């Protein structure tokens, strides 16, 4: 791992308590690589940009995202605090919400549904799109060097279809999708 400037290392280390030590070593590489990687931020491109393209145990980096236990809500809470401190230290906090349909097919994709197609549909014409629906929560902040407001996402969650919500939950889906971190209505930021 390259040596980071102290200010940057402090920001990255904000997320260390979310993980066990062994998992954090891999998560740290993924986090730094995601910042540095141009284009698609796949695990492979992150390892390539981090100088680990010949890593023999590359599956350990994939497991941080698929199997490691960590709190997404706590991660979002920490990221929101960093964004607020950097871009909106005083003044009103404005949040935006957006949904995206990820087109997925297959028997093993159980949380998918049929939604209104966001691109081709209009008021007069209804177009259906099948896939997974992701909801993103963003901080709308004025960026000084951009001279306009940017949407800075800090939390993205899968919004399963109603049909999936009514179906009995399969054990592998509960493990993959994860359980909620706290009671419904728990505050994201204190």
N, C-alpha and C. Protein backbone atom coordinates (compact mmCIF):
# COMPACT_ATOMS: atom_id res chain seq x y z
N UNK A 1 0.84 -1.17 0.00
CA UNK A 1 0.00 0.00 0.00
C UNK A 1 0.89 1.24 0.00
N UNK A 2 0.66 2.17 -0.94
CA UNK A 2 1.49 3.38 -0.98
C UNK A 2 1.23 4.26 0.23
N UNK A 3 2.24 5.06 0.57
CA UNK A 3 2.07 5.99 1.67
C UNK A 3 1.22 7.16 1.23
N UNK A 4 0.21 7.46 2.01
CA UNK A 4 -0.71 8.53 1.68
C UNK A 4 -0.40 9.77 2.49
N UNK A 5 -0.71 10.96 1.96
CA UNK A 5 -0.59 12.17 2.77
C UNK A 5 -1.49 12.04 4.00
N UNK A 6 -1.08 12.64 5.10
CA UNK A 6 -1.77 12.48 6.38
C UNK A 6 -3.25 12.87 6.28
N UNK A 7 -3.55 13.97 5.61
CA UNK A 7 -4.95 14.42 5.52
C UNK A 7 -5.80 13.40 4.77
N UNK A 8 -5.26 12.85 3.69
CA UNK A 8 -5.99 11.87 2.90
C UNK A 8 -6.13 10.56 3.68
N UNK A 9 -5.07 10.15 4.38
CA UNK A 9 -5.11 8.92 5.17
C UNK A 9 -6.15 9.01 6.28
N UNK A 10 -6.30 10.18 6.88
CA UNK A 10 -7.29 10.37 7.94
C UNK A 10 -8.70 10.15 7.40
N UNK A 11 -8.96 10.64 6.20
CA UNK A 11 -10.28 10.45 5.59
C UNK A 11 -10.52 8.97 5.30
N UNK A 12 -9.55 8.29 4.74
CA UNK A 12 -9.69 6.87 4.42
C UNK A 12 -9.87 6.05 5.69
N UNK A 13 -9.12 6.38 6.74
CA UNK A 13 -9.19 5.62 7.99
C UNK A 13 -10.52 5.81 8.72
N UNK A 14 -11.32 6.79 8.31
CA UNK A 14 -12.65 6.96 8.88
C UNK A 14 -13.48 5.69 8.71
N UNK A 15 -13.22 4.95 7.63
CA UNK A 15 -14.01 3.76 7.31
C UNK A 15 -13.43 2.47 7.90
N UNK A 16 -12.25 2.52 8.49
CA UNK A 16 -11.61 1.32 9.04
C UNK A 16 -12.43 0.61 10.12
N UNK A 17 -13.10 1.32 11.04
CA UNK A 17 -13.86 0.60 12.08
C UNK A 17 -15.04 -0.24 11.55
N UNK A 18 -15.39 -0.06 10.30
CA UNK A 18 -16.48 -0.84 9.72
C UNK A 18 -16.09 -2.30 9.48
N UNK A 19 -14.80 -2.58 9.39
CA UNK A 19 -14.31 -3.89 8.97
C UNK A 19 -13.42 -4.54 10.02
N UNK A 20 -13.34 -5.86 9.95
CA UNK A 20 -12.31 -6.57 10.71
C UNK A 20 -10.97 -6.24 10.08
N UNK A 21 -9.86 -6.41 10.83
CA UNK A 21 -8.55 -5.99 10.33
C UNK A 21 -8.19 -6.67 9.00
N UNK A 22 -8.38 -7.98 8.91
CA UNK A 22 -8.02 -8.70 7.69
C UNK A 22 -8.85 -8.21 6.50
N UNK A 23 -10.11 -7.94 6.73
CA UNK A 23 -10.98 -7.45 5.66
C UNK A 23 -10.62 -6.02 5.31
N UNK A 24 -10.24 -5.22 6.31
CA UNK A 24 -9.90 -3.82 6.05
C UNK A 24 -8.72 -3.68 5.10
N UNK A 25 -7.75 -4.58 5.20
CA UNK A 25 -6.60 -4.50 4.28
C UNK A 25 -7.06 -4.58 2.84
N UNK A 26 -8.03 -5.43 2.55
CA UNK A 26 -8.54 -5.56 1.19
C UNK A 26 -9.49 -4.40 0.86
N UNK A 27 -10.33 -4.00 1.81
CA UNK A 27 -11.27 -2.90 1.58
C UNK A 27 -10.52 -1.59 1.32
N UNK A 28 -9.41 -1.39 1.99
CA UNK A 28 -8.62 -0.17 1.79
C UNK A 28 -8.09 -0.09 0.36
N UNK A 29 -7.61 -1.22 -0.16
CA UNK A 29 -7.14 -1.25 -1.55
C UNK A 29 -8.30 -0.94 -2.49
N UNK A 30 -9.48 -1.54 -2.23
CA UNK A 30 -10.63 -1.28 -3.08
C UNK A 30 -11.06 0.18 -3.04
N UNK A 31 -11.04 0.78 -1.86
CA UNK A 31 -11.45 2.17 -1.71
C UNK A 31 -10.49 3.11 -2.44
N UNK A 32 -9.20 2.92 -2.23
CA UNK A 32 -8.22 3.78 -2.91
C UNK A 32 -8.24 3.55 -4.41
N UNK A 33 -8.35 2.29 -4.82
CA UNK A 33 -8.39 1.99 -6.25
C UNK A 33 -9.62 2.57 -6.92
N UNK A 34 -10.77 2.58 -6.22
CA UNK A 34 -11.99 3.15 -6.79
C UNK A 34 -11.83 4.66 -7.00
N UNK A 35 -11.07 5.31 -6.16
CA UNK A 35 -10.82 6.74 -6.31
C UNK A 35 -9.90 6.98 -7.51
N UNK A 36 -8.92 6.11 -7.69
CA UNK A 36 -7.91 6.31 -8.73
C UNK A 36 -8.29 5.74 -10.10
N UNK A 37 -9.16 4.74 -10.14
CA UNK A 37 -9.44 4.03 -11.40
C UNK A 37 -10.27 4.89 -12.34
N UNK A 38 -9.82 5.02 -13.59
CA UNK A 38 -10.65 5.70 -14.58
C UNK A 38 -11.65 4.72 -15.17
N UNK A 39 -12.76 5.24 -15.68
CA UNK A 39 -13.74 4.37 -16.34
C UNK A 39 -14.49 3.50 -15.37
N UNK A 40 -14.80 2.28 -15.79
CA UNK A 40 -15.55 1.36 -14.94
C UNK A 40 -14.72 0.96 -13.74
N UNK A 41 -15.33 1.05 -12.57
CA UNK A 41 -14.63 0.72 -11.34
C UNK A 41 -14.95 -0.70 -10.92
N UNK A 42 -14.50 -1.65 -11.71
CA UNK A 42 -14.67 -3.05 -11.37
C UNK A 42 -13.53 -3.45 -10.44
N UNK A 43 -13.69 -4.57 -9.76
CA UNK A 43 -12.63 -5.04 -8.87
C UNK A 43 -11.36 -5.28 -9.68
N UNK A 44 -11.48 -5.80 -10.87
CA UNK A 44 -10.31 -6.07 -11.71
C UNK A 44 -9.59 -4.77 -12.07
N UNK A 45 -10.32 -3.74 -12.48
CA UNK A 45 -9.66 -2.48 -12.83
C UNK A 45 -9.05 -1.82 -11.59
N UNK A 46 -9.69 -2.00 -10.44
CA UNK A 46 -9.14 -1.44 -9.20
C UNK A 46 -7.83 -2.13 -8.84
N UNK A 47 -7.78 -3.46 -8.97
CA UNK A 47 -6.54 -4.17 -8.69
C UNK A 47 -5.46 -3.78 -9.69
N UNK A 48 -5.83 -3.58 -10.94
CA UNK A 48 -4.86 -3.20 -11.96
C UNK A 48 -4.26 -1.84 -11.64
N UNK A 49 -5.09 -0.85 -11.28
CA UNK A 49 -4.59 0.50 -11.01
C UNK A 49 -3.78 0.53 -9.71
N UNK A 50 -4.05 -0.43 -8.81
CA UNK A 50 -3.33 -0.49 -7.54
C UNK A 50 -2.02 -1.27 -7.65
N UNK A 51 -1.71 -1.77 -8.84
CA UNK A 51 -0.48 -2.53 -9.03
C UNK A 51 -0.59 -3.98 -8.59
N UNK A 52 -1.80 -4.48 -8.44
CA UNK A 52 -2.01 -5.85 -7.97
C UNK A 52 -2.64 -6.73 -9.06
N UNK A 53 -2.32 -6.45 -10.32
CA UNK A 53 -2.94 -7.20 -11.41
C UNK A 53 -2.53 -8.67 -11.41
N UNK A 54 -1.44 -9.01 -10.78
CA UNK A 54 -0.99 -10.41 -10.72
C UNK A 54 -1.25 -11.05 -9.36
N UNK A 55 -2.12 -10.43 -8.57
CA UNK A 55 -2.47 -10.95 -7.25
C UNK A 55 -3.07 -12.34 -7.38
N UNK A 56 -2.48 -13.31 -6.68
CA UNK A 56 -2.96 -14.70 -6.78
C UNK A 56 -4.27 -14.91 -6.04
N UNK A 57 -4.49 -14.18 -4.97
CA UNK A 57 -5.69 -14.36 -4.15
C UNK A 57 -6.68 -13.21 -4.40
N UNK A 58 -6.92 -12.92 -5.69
CA UNK A 58 -7.80 -11.81 -6.05
C UNK A 58 -9.23 -12.02 -5.56
N UNK A 59 -9.61 -13.26 -5.34
CA UNK A 59 -10.98 -13.54 -4.88
C UNK A 59 -11.25 -12.90 -3.52
N UNK A 60 -10.23 -12.70 -2.71
CA UNK A 60 -10.42 -12.05 -1.41
C UNK A 60 -10.94 -10.62 -1.56
N UNK A 61 -10.58 -9.96 -2.65
CA UNK A 61 -11.07 -8.60 -2.89
C UNK A 61 -12.53 -8.63 -3.31
N UNK A 62 -12.91 -9.64 -4.09
CA UNK A 62 -14.32 -9.78 -4.46
C UNK A 62 -15.17 -10.09 -3.24
N UNK A 63 -14.63 -10.85 -2.31
CA UNK A 63 -15.39 -11.25 -1.12
C UNK A 63 -15.69 -10.08 -0.19
N UNK A 64 -14.91 -9.02 -0.25
CA UNK A 64 -15.21 -7.84 0.57
C UNK A 64 -16.60 -7.32 0.20
N UNK A 65 -16.94 -7.40 -1.07
CA UNK A 65 -18.23 -6.89 -1.53
C UNK A 65 -19.34 -7.93 -1.44
N UNK A 66 -19.00 -9.21 -1.55
CA UNK A 66 -20.06 -10.21 -1.59
C UNK A 66 -20.30 -10.94 -0.28
N UNK A 67 -19.28 -11.09 0.56
CA UNK A 67 -19.45 -11.91 1.76
C UNK A 67 -19.09 -11.25 3.08
N UNK A 68 -18.23 -10.25 3.04
CA UNK A 68 -17.78 -9.64 4.30
C UNK A 68 -18.95 -8.97 5.00
N UNK A 69 -18.95 -9.00 6.31
CA UNK A 69 -20.00 -8.38 7.12
C UNK A 69 -19.55 -6.98 7.52
N UNK A 70 -20.29 -6.00 7.05
CA UNK A 70 -20.06 -4.62 7.45
C UNK A 70 -21.36 -3.86 7.25
N UNK A 71 -21.50 -2.77 7.95
CA UNK A 71 -22.74 -2.02 7.96
C UNK A 71 -22.73 -0.95 6.86
N UNK A 72 -23.58 -1.14 5.86
CA UNK A 72 -23.68 -0.16 4.79
C UNK A 72 -24.21 1.17 5.32
N UNK A 73 -25.16 1.09 6.25
CA UNK A 73 -25.71 2.33 6.83
C UNK A 73 -24.66 3.11 7.60
N UNK A 74 -23.83 2.41 8.35
CA UNK A 74 -22.78 3.10 9.09
C UNK A 74 -21.78 3.71 8.11
N UNK A 75 -21.46 3.01 7.03
CA UNK A 75 -20.57 3.56 6.01
C UNK A 75 -21.17 4.80 5.36
N UNK A 76 -22.48 4.76 5.07
CA UNK A 76 -23.15 5.91 4.49
C UNK A 76 -23.17 7.08 5.47
N UNK A 77 -23.38 6.79 6.74
CA UNK A 77 -23.38 7.83 7.77
C UNK A 77 -22.02 8.52 7.85
N UNK A 78 -20.95 7.72 7.81
CA UNK A 78 -19.60 8.30 7.87
C UNK A 78 -19.30 9.13 6.62
N UNK A 79 -19.71 8.61 5.45
CA UNK A 79 -19.48 9.35 4.21
C UNK A 79 -20.28 10.65 4.20
N UNK A 80 -21.53 10.62 4.66
CA UNK A 80 -22.34 11.84 4.72
C UNK A 80 -21.68 12.88 5.62
N UNK A 81 -21.16 12.46 6.77
CA UNK A 81 -20.48 13.42 7.66
C UNK A 81 -19.29 14.06 6.96
N UNK A 82 -18.49 13.25 6.24
CA UNK A 82 -17.34 13.80 5.51
C UNK A 82 -17.79 14.78 4.44
N UNK A 83 -18.84 14.44 3.70
CA UNK A 83 -19.35 15.33 2.66
C UNK A 83 -19.90 16.62 3.24
N UNK A 84 -20.62 16.53 4.36
CA UNK A 84 -21.15 17.73 5.00
C UNK A 84 -20.02 18.64 5.48
N UNK A 85 -19.00 18.06 6.10
CA UNK A 85 -17.87 18.85 6.58
C UNK A 85 -17.13 19.54 5.44
N UNK A 86 -17.02 18.84 4.30
CA UNK A 86 -16.24 19.38 3.19
C UNK A 86 -17.02 20.39 2.35
N UNK A 87 -18.31 20.13 2.11
CA UNK A 87 -19.03 20.94 1.14
C UNK A 87 -20.16 21.79 1.71
N UNK A 88 -20.71 21.43 2.87
CA UNK A 88 -21.80 22.21 3.46
C UNK A 88 -21.55 22.36 4.96
N UNK A 89 -20.43 23.00 5.36
CA UNK A 89 -20.16 23.11 6.79
C UNK A 89 -21.19 23.96 7.53
N UNK A 90 -21.81 24.91 6.83
CA UNK A 90 -22.89 25.70 7.41
C UNK A 90 -23.90 25.95 6.31
N UNK A 91 -25.13 26.13 6.69
CA UNK A 91 -26.14 26.37 5.68
C UNK A 91 -27.09 25.21 5.54
N UNK A 92 -28.01 25.31 4.63
CA UNK A 92 -29.03 24.26 4.50
C UNK A 92 -28.46 22.99 3.86
N UNK A 93 -28.97 21.87 4.32
CA UNK A 93 -28.61 20.57 3.76
C UNK A 93 -29.75 20.16 2.84
N UNK A 94 -29.43 19.99 1.57
CA UNK A 94 -30.43 19.60 0.58
C UNK A 94 -30.07 18.21 0.06
N UNK A 95 -31.05 17.30 0.15
CA UNK A 95 -30.84 15.94 -0.30
C UNK A 95 -31.67 15.68 -1.55
N UNK A 96 -31.14 14.82 -2.42
CA UNK A 96 -31.86 14.40 -3.61
C UNK A 96 -31.99 12.89 -3.60
N UNK A 97 -32.99 12.40 -4.30
CA UNK A 97 -33.20 10.95 -4.37
C UNK A 97 -33.44 10.60 -5.84
N UNK A 98 -32.91 9.46 -6.25
CA UNK A 98 -33.05 9.03 -7.63
C UNK A 98 -33.15 7.52 -7.67
N UNK A 99 -33.85 7.00 -8.65
CA UNK A 99 -33.90 5.55 -8.81
C UNK A 99 -33.38 5.18 -10.19
N UNK A 100 -32.77 4.03 -10.26
CA UNK A 100 -32.18 3.52 -11.49
C UNK A 100 -32.59 2.07 -11.66
N UNK A 101 -32.93 1.70 -12.88
CA UNK A 101 -33.26 0.32 -13.18
C UNK A 101 -32.02 -0.33 -13.78
N UNK A 102 -31.54 -1.38 -13.13
CA UNK A 102 -30.43 -2.17 -13.66
C UNK A 102 -31.04 -3.37 -14.36
N UNK A 103 -30.89 -3.42 -15.65
CA UNK A 103 -31.52 -4.49 -16.43
C UNK A 103 -30.78 -5.80 -16.19
N UNK A 104 -31.48 -6.72 -15.51
CA UNK A 104 -30.92 -8.04 -15.18
C UNK A 104 -31.96 -9.10 -15.49
N UNK A 105 -31.49 -10.24 -15.96
CA UNK A 105 -32.38 -11.36 -16.25
C UNK A 105 -31.79 -12.62 -15.65
N UNK A 106 -32.62 -13.61 -15.51
CA UNK A 106 -32.14 -14.91 -15.06
C UNK A 106 -32.96 -15.44 -13.91
N UNK A 107 -32.92 -16.74 -13.75
CA UNK A 107 -33.70 -17.40 -12.70
C UNK A 107 -33.20 -17.05 -11.31
N UNK A 108 -31.90 -16.77 -11.18
CA UNK A 108 -31.33 -16.52 -9.85
C UNK A 108 -31.47 -15.06 -9.40
N UNK A 109 -31.91 -14.19 -10.29
CA UNK A 109 -32.16 -12.79 -9.93
C UNK A 109 -33.60 -12.72 -9.44
N UNK A 110 -33.79 -12.81 -8.14
CA UNK A 110 -35.14 -12.93 -7.60
C UNK A 110 -35.76 -11.61 -7.18
N UNK A 111 -34.98 -10.58 -6.95
CA UNK A 111 -35.52 -9.30 -6.47
C UNK A 111 -35.94 -8.39 -7.62
N UNK A 112 -35.88 -8.90 -8.86
CA UNK A 112 -36.21 -8.04 -9.99
C UNK A 112 -37.71 -7.84 -10.11
N UNK A 113 -38.09 -6.84 -10.86
CA UNK A 113 -39.49 -6.52 -11.07
C UNK A 113 -39.68 -5.87 -12.41
N UNK A 114 -40.90 -5.46 -12.68
CA UNK A 114 -41.21 -4.75 -13.92
C UNK A 114 -41.61 -3.34 -13.53
N UNK A 115 -40.92 -2.37 -14.11
CA UNK A 115 -41.10 -0.97 -13.75
C UNK A 115 -41.36 -0.14 -15.01
N UNK A 116 -41.76 1.09 -14.82
CA UNK A 116 -41.93 2.02 -15.92
C UNK A 116 -40.56 2.38 -16.46
N UNK A 117 -40.35 2.19 -17.76
CA UNK A 117 -39.06 2.50 -18.39
C UNK A 117 -38.78 3.98 -18.33
N UNK A 118 -37.70 4.40 -17.68
CA UNK A 118 -37.46 5.83 -17.47
C UNK A 118 -37.04 6.59 -18.71
N UNK A 119 -36.51 5.91 -19.72
CA UNK A 119 -35.97 6.62 -20.88
C UNK A 119 -36.99 6.73 -22.00
N UNK A 120 -37.60 5.61 -22.36
CA UNK A 120 -38.47 5.60 -23.54
C UNK A 120 -39.93 5.88 -23.23
N UNK A 121 -40.33 5.84 -21.97
CA UNK A 121 -41.73 6.07 -21.62
C UNK A 121 -42.03 7.57 -21.57
N UNK A 122 -43.29 7.90 -21.83
CA UNK A 122 -43.75 9.29 -21.73
C UNK A 122 -45.12 9.27 -21.06
N UNK A 123 -45.73 10.44 -20.94
CA UNK A 123 -47.07 10.50 -20.33
C UNK A 123 -48.09 9.72 -21.15
N UNK A 124 -47.94 9.74 -22.47
CA UNK A 124 -48.91 9.08 -23.34
C UNK A 124 -48.53 7.63 -23.66
N UNK A 125 -47.26 7.29 -23.51
CA UNK A 125 -46.78 5.96 -23.93
C UNK A 125 -46.08 5.27 -22.75
N UNK A 126 -46.57 4.11 -22.35
CA UNK A 126 -46.00 3.36 -21.21
C UNK A 126 -45.06 2.29 -21.74
N UNK A 127 -43.82 2.30 -21.29
CA UNK A 127 -42.83 1.30 -21.68
C UNK A 127 -42.37 0.59 -20.42
N UNK A 128 -42.38 -0.74 -20.45
CA UNK A 128 -41.97 -1.53 -19.29
C UNK A 128 -40.48 -1.86 -19.38
N UNK A 129 -39.85 -1.90 -18.21
CA UNK A 129 -38.46 -2.30 -18.11
C UNK A 129 -38.35 -3.31 -16.97
N UNK A 130 -37.65 -4.40 -17.23
CA UNK A 130 -37.48 -5.44 -16.22
C UNK A 130 -36.07 -5.36 -15.65
N UNK A 131 -35.95 -5.52 -14.34
CA UNK A 131 -34.62 -5.49 -13.73
C UNK A 131 -34.68 -5.21 -12.24
N UNK A 132 -33.54 -4.80 -11.71
CA UNK A 132 -33.41 -4.45 -10.30
C UNK A 132 -33.52 -2.94 -10.17
N UNK A 133 -34.23 -2.49 -9.15
CA UNK A 133 -34.41 -1.06 -8.93
C UNK A 133 -33.53 -0.62 -7.77
N UNK A 134 -32.64 0.32 -8.03
CA UNK A 134 -31.74 0.87 -7.02
C UNK A 134 -32.15 2.30 -6.71
N UNK A 135 -32.21 2.63 -5.42
CA UNK A 135 -32.54 3.97 -4.96
C UNK A 135 -31.27 4.60 -4.41
N UNK A 136 -30.95 5.80 -4.88
CA UNK A 136 -29.75 6.51 -4.43
C UNK A 136 -30.15 7.79 -3.70
N UNK A 137 -29.51 8.03 -2.57
CA UNK A 137 -29.70 9.25 -1.79
C UNK A 137 -28.43 10.08 -1.95
N UNK A 138 -28.61 11.35 -2.32
CA UNK A 138 -27.46 12.20 -2.64
C UNK A 138 -27.52 13.53 -1.90
N UNK A 139 -26.36 14.04 -1.57
CA UNK A 139 -26.24 15.39 -1.03
C UNK A 139 -26.10 16.34 -2.20
N UNK A 140 -26.98 17.32 -2.30
CA UNK A 140 -26.88 18.33 -3.36
C UNK A 140 -26.07 19.49 -2.79
N UNK A 141 -24.85 19.62 -3.28
CA UNK A 141 -23.93 20.60 -2.70
C UNK A 141 -23.32 21.47 -3.79
N UNK A 142 -23.18 22.76 -3.49
CA UNK A 142 -22.48 23.63 -4.44
C UNK A 142 -20.98 23.34 -4.38
N UNK A 143 -20.40 23.02 -5.52
CA UNK A 143 -18.97 22.72 -5.60
C UNK A 143 -18.26 23.99 -6.05
N UNK A 144 -17.34 24.53 -5.23
CA UNK A 144 -16.74 25.83 -5.53
C UNK A 144 -16.03 25.88 -6.89
N UNK A 145 -15.28 24.85 -7.25
CA UNK A 145 -14.51 24.90 -8.49
C UNK A 145 -15.34 24.56 -9.72
N UNK A 146 -16.58 24.08 -9.53
CA UNK A 146 -17.43 23.72 -10.67
C UNK A 146 -18.46 24.79 -10.99
N UNK A 147 -18.66 25.73 -10.10
CA UNK A 147 -19.63 26.83 -10.27
C UNK A 147 -21.05 26.32 -10.48
N UNK A 148 -21.37 25.16 -9.91
CA UNK A 148 -22.74 24.65 -9.94
C UNK A 148 -22.92 23.60 -8.86
N UNK A 149 -24.13 23.15 -8.70
CA UNK A 149 -24.46 22.16 -7.68
C UNK A 149 -24.26 20.76 -8.23
N UNK A 150 -23.62 19.90 -7.44
CA UNK A 150 -23.41 18.50 -7.81
C UNK A 150 -24.24 17.62 -6.87
N UNK A 151 -24.63 16.47 -7.38
CA UNK A 151 -25.29 15.45 -6.58
C UNK A 151 -24.23 14.45 -6.15
N UNK A 152 -23.94 14.38 -4.86
CA UNK A 152 -22.90 13.51 -4.32
C UNK A 152 -23.56 12.32 -3.61
N UNK A 153 -23.61 11.14 -4.25
CA UNK A 153 -24.31 10.00 -3.65
C UNK A 153 -23.56 9.47 -2.43
N UNK A 154 -24.31 9.16 -1.39
CA UNK A 154 -23.70 8.59 -0.20
C UNK A 154 -24.38 7.30 0.25
N UNK A 155 -25.55 6.99 -0.31
CA UNK A 155 -26.24 5.76 0.05
C UNK A 155 -27.02 5.25 -1.16
N UNK A 156 -26.81 4.00 -1.50
CA UNK A 156 -27.57 3.36 -2.57
C UNK A 156 -28.06 2.03 -2.03
N UNK A 157 -29.35 1.76 -2.24
CA UNK A 157 -29.94 0.53 -1.71
C UNK A 157 -30.84 -0.11 -2.76
N UNK A 158 -30.91 -1.42 -2.70
CA UNK A 158 -31.80 -2.16 -3.59
C UNK A 158 -33.22 -2.03 -3.09
N UNK A 159 -34.13 -1.70 -3.99
CA UNK A 159 -35.56 -1.61 -3.67
C UNK A 159 -36.25 -2.77 -4.37
N UNK A 160 -36.41 -3.89 -3.68
CA UNK A 160 -37.02 -5.06 -4.32
C UNK A 160 -38.44 -4.78 -4.78
N UNK A 161 -38.88 -5.52 -5.77
CA UNK A 161 -40.24 -5.34 -6.28
C UNK A 161 -41.26 -5.80 -5.24
N UNK A 162 -42.51 -5.39 -5.43
CA UNK A 162 -43.58 -5.81 -4.51
C UNK A 162 -43.76 -7.32 -4.54
N UNK A 163 -43.63 -7.89 -5.73
CA UNK A 163 -43.77 -9.34 -5.88
C UNK A 163 -42.71 -10.07 -5.06
N UNK A 164 -41.49 -9.55 -5.05
CA UNK A 164 -40.43 -10.16 -4.26
C UNK A 164 -40.72 -10.01 -2.77
N UNK A 165 -41.30 -8.87 -2.38
CA UNK A 165 -41.63 -8.63 -0.98
C UNK A 165 -42.69 -9.58 -0.45
N UNK A 166 -43.59 -10.03 -1.32
CA UNK A 166 -44.64 -10.96 -0.90
C UNK A 166 -44.17 -12.41 -0.88
N UNK A 167 -43.13 -12.73 -1.64
CA UNK A 167 -42.66 -14.12 -1.74
C UNK A 167 -41.91 -14.52 -0.46
N UNK A 168 -41.98 -15.81 -0.08
CA UNK A 168 -41.19 -16.25 1.07
C UNK A 168 -39.71 -16.11 0.74
N UNK A 169 -38.95 -15.61 1.70
CA UNK A 169 -37.55 -15.29 1.48
C UNK A 169 -36.69 -16.55 1.48
N UNK A 170 -35.89 -16.68 0.45
CA UNK A 170 -34.96 -17.81 0.38
C UNK A 170 -33.73 -17.48 1.22
N UNK A 171 -33.13 -18.49 1.89
CA UNK A 171 -31.98 -18.21 2.76
C UNK A 171 -30.81 -17.56 2.02
N UNK A 172 -30.54 -17.98 0.78
CA UNK A 172 -29.40 -17.39 0.07
C UNK A 172 -29.67 -15.93 -0.27
N UNK A 173 -30.94 -15.54 -0.50
CA UNK A 173 -31.25 -14.15 -0.78
C UNK A 173 -31.06 -13.29 0.45
N UNK A 174 -31.47 -13.80 1.61
CA UNK A 174 -31.30 -13.04 2.85
C UNK A 174 -29.82 -12.80 3.12
N UNK A 175 -28.99 -13.80 2.83
CA UNK A 175 -27.56 -13.66 3.06
C UNK A 175 -26.95 -12.66 2.08
N UNK A 176 -27.38 -12.73 0.82
CA UNK A 176 -26.81 -11.87 -0.21
C UNK A 176 -27.28 -10.43 -0.06
N UNK A 177 -28.56 -10.23 0.17
CA UNK A 177 -29.09 -8.88 0.27
C UNK A 177 -28.81 -8.23 1.61
N UNK A 178 -28.60 -9.03 2.64
CA UNK A 178 -28.30 -8.50 3.96
C UNK A 178 -29.56 -8.07 4.69
N UNK A 179 -29.48 -8.06 5.99
CA UNK A 179 -30.61 -7.64 6.81
C UNK A 179 -30.46 -6.16 7.14
N UNK A 180 -31.55 -5.48 7.44
CA UNK A 180 -31.44 -4.07 7.83
C UNK A 180 -30.56 -3.91 9.06
N UNK A 181 -29.86 -2.78 9.12
CA UNK A 181 -28.92 -2.55 10.21
C UNK A 181 -29.58 -2.06 11.49
N UNK A 182 -30.76 -1.62 11.42
CA UNK A 182 -31.41 -1.08 12.60
C UNK A 182 -32.90 -1.01 12.39
N UNK A 183 -33.63 -0.47 13.35
CA UNK A 183 -35.06 -0.37 13.19
C UNK A 183 -35.45 0.58 12.07
N UNK A 184 -36.59 0.34 11.47
CA UNK A 184 -37.08 1.23 10.43
C UNK A 184 -37.25 2.63 11.01
N UNK A 185 -36.82 3.61 10.29
CA UNK A 185 -36.95 4.97 10.77
C UNK A 185 -35.76 5.41 11.62
N UNK A 186 -34.74 4.54 11.77
CA UNK A 186 -33.54 4.95 12.51
C UNK A 186 -32.83 6.04 11.73
N UNK A 187 -32.34 7.08 12.42
CA UNK A 187 -31.71 8.20 11.70
C UNK A 187 -30.42 7.77 11.04
N UNK A 188 -30.16 8.30 9.83
CA UNK A 188 -28.92 8.01 9.13
C UNK A 188 -27.77 8.78 9.73
N UNK A 189 -28.01 10.02 10.09
CA UNK A 189 -26.97 10.85 10.72
C UNK A 189 -27.55 11.46 11.99
N UNK A 190 -26.79 11.40 13.09
CA UNK A 190 -27.30 11.96 14.34
C UNK A 190 -27.38 13.48 14.29
